[in-house]
């Protein structure tokens, strides 16, 4: 999994630091990076989380190594943009209704 090395180096993280963070030896990290061993799912998730990337990137399912925090922010930004676009299309009465309804949703007891 050469991509572990690519992201690790991009983030200026040593093999030793990564090994300590995920609970394996430095030799194991080297084996992962050189394709001599493959991390189990639990370790792969820990690696992705610590390197702030996705398991999909590490597995080669995507070429986007965007940090997870950016992915989450992008999703939130898209949802907010959609909400604002919908709001902009409403008339004044509909906007008041939407604000009223959002207050009900906010205060709704989810238990």
Protein backbone atom coordinates (compact mmCIF):
# COMPACT_ATOMS: atom_id res chain seq x y z
CA UNK A 1 0.00 0.00 0.00
CA UNK A 2 2.28 2.70 -1.29
CA UNK A 3 -0.44 5.27 -0.69
CA UNK A 4 0.12 5.00 3.06
CA UNK A 5 3.68 6.21 2.47
CA UNK A 6 2.53 8.94 0.08
CA UNK A 7 0.04 10.43 2.54
CA UNK A 8 2.30 9.88 5.54
CA UNK A 9 5.13 11.78 3.88
CA UNK A 10 2.77 14.47 2.61
CA UNK A 11 1.65 15.03 6.21
CA UNK A 12 5.27 14.91 7.50
CA UNK A 13 4.64 11.90 9.72
CA UNK A 14 7.35 9.31 10.37
CA UNK A 15 6.84 5.56 10.22
CA UNK A 16 7.67 5.41 13.91
CA UNK A 17 5.02 7.97 14.85
CA UNK A 18 2.39 6.21 12.73
CA UNK A 19 3.33 2.84 14.22
CA UNK A 20 2.94 4.18 17.77
CA UNK A 21 -0.42 5.79 16.95
CA UNK A 22 -1.95 2.62 15.49
CA UNK A 23 -0.23 0.12 17.77
CA UNK A 24 2.10 -1.79 15.46
CA UNK A 25 5.87 -1.88 14.94
CA UNK A 26 7.73 0.41 12.57
CA UNK A 27 8.67 -2.70 10.61
CA UNK A 28 4.97 -3.44 10.10
CA UNK A 29 4.40 0.04 8.69
CA UNK A 30 7.34 -0.52 6.35
CA UNK A 31 5.84 -3.85 5.27
CA UNK A 32 2.48 -2.16 4.58
CA UNK A 33 4.12 0.55 2.51
CA UNK A 34 6.26 -1.91 0.52
CA UNK A 35 3.38 -4.27 -0.23
CA UNK A 36 4.83 -7.10 1.85
CA UNK A 37 1.84 -7.07 4.23
CA UNK A 38 -1.69 -5.69 4.20
CA UNK A 39 -3.25 -4.06 7.24
CA UNK A 40 -6.37 -5.66 8.65
CA UNK A 41 -9.51 -3.53 8.42
CA UNK A 42 -9.20 -2.23 11.99
CA UNK A 43 -5.64 -1.03 11.38
CA UNK A 44 -6.51 0.41 7.96
CA UNK A 45 -9.24 2.52 9.55
CA UNK A 46 -6.83 3.70 12.26
CA UNK A 47 -4.24 4.59 9.62
CA UNK A 48 -6.79 6.53 7.54
CA UNK A 49 -8.09 8.37 10.59
CA UNK A 50 -4.62 9.28 11.85
CA UNK A 51 -3.44 10.38 8.40
CA UNK A 52 -6.69 12.31 7.97
CA UNK A 53 -7.63 10.63 4.71
CA UNK A 54 -10.09 7.96 3.61
CA UNK A 55 -9.77 4.21 3.45
CA UNK A 56 -11.00 4.46 -0.14
CA UNK A 57 -7.92 6.49 -1.04
CA UNK A 58 -5.56 4.10 0.73
CA UNK A 59 -7.20 1.15 -1.06
CA UNK A 60 -6.91 2.85 -4.45
CA UNK A 61 -10.66 3.20 -4.93
CA UNK A 62 -10.27 6.96 -5.42
CA UNK A 63 -7.42 9.27 -6.30
CA UNK A 64 -8.67 11.96 -3.93
CA UNK A 65 -6.67 12.04 -0.68
CA UNK A 66 -8.68 14.97 0.64
CA UNK A 67 -8.55 15.07 4.42
CA UNK A 68 -11.69 13.74 6.10
CA UNK A 69 -12.37 17.09 7.75
CA UNK A 70 -12.56 18.69 4.29
CA UNK A 71 -14.94 15.99 3.06
CA UNK A 72 -17.26 16.59 6.01
CA UNK A 73 -17.09 20.35 5.50
CA UNK A 74 -17.83 19.94 1.78
CA UNK A 75 -20.95 17.89 2.57
CA UNK A 76 -22.12 20.48 5.11
CA UNK A 77 -21.40 23.31 2.69
CA UNK A 78 -23.41 21.60 -0.06
CA UNK A 79 -26.35 21.03 2.25
CA UNK A 80 -26.26 24.64 3.43
CA UNK A 81 -26.02 25.85 -0.16
CA UNK A 82 -29.03 23.73 -1.09
CA UNK A 83 -31.01 25.08 1.87
CA UNK A 84 -30.13 28.68 0.99
CA UNK A 85 -31.09 28.13 -2.65
CA UNK A 86 -34.44 26.69 -1.60
CA UNK A 87 -34.98 29.57 0.84
CA UNK A 88 -34.21 32.12 -1.87
CA UNK A 89 -37.00 30.69 -4.04
CA UNK A 90 -39.64 31.10 -1.31
CA UNK A 91 -41.95 34.08 -0.89
CA UNK A 92 -42.01 35.99 2.42
CA UNK A 93 -44.85 33.94 3.93
CA UNK A 94 -43.14 30.68 2.99
CA UNK A 95 -39.89 31.92 4.50
CA UNK A 96 -41.65 32.70 7.79
CA UNK A 97 -43.21 29.22 7.73
CA UNK A 98 -39.81 27.63 7.10
CA UNK A 99 -38.25 29.52 10.01
CA UNK A 100 -41.17 28.52 12.24
CA UNK A 101 -40.86 24.88 11.15
CA UNK A 102 -37.11 24.83 11.71
CA UNK A 103 -37.75 25.98 15.27
CA UNK A 104 -40.12 23.05 15.80
CA UNK A 105 -37.57 20.62 14.40
CA UNK A 106 -34.83 22.10 16.56
CA UNK A 107 -36.92 21.72 19.73
CA UNK A 108 -38.39 18.33 18.84
CA UNK A 109 -37.82 15.70 21.51
CA UNK A 110 -36.04 12.87 19.72
CA UNK A 111 -36.43 10.38 22.57
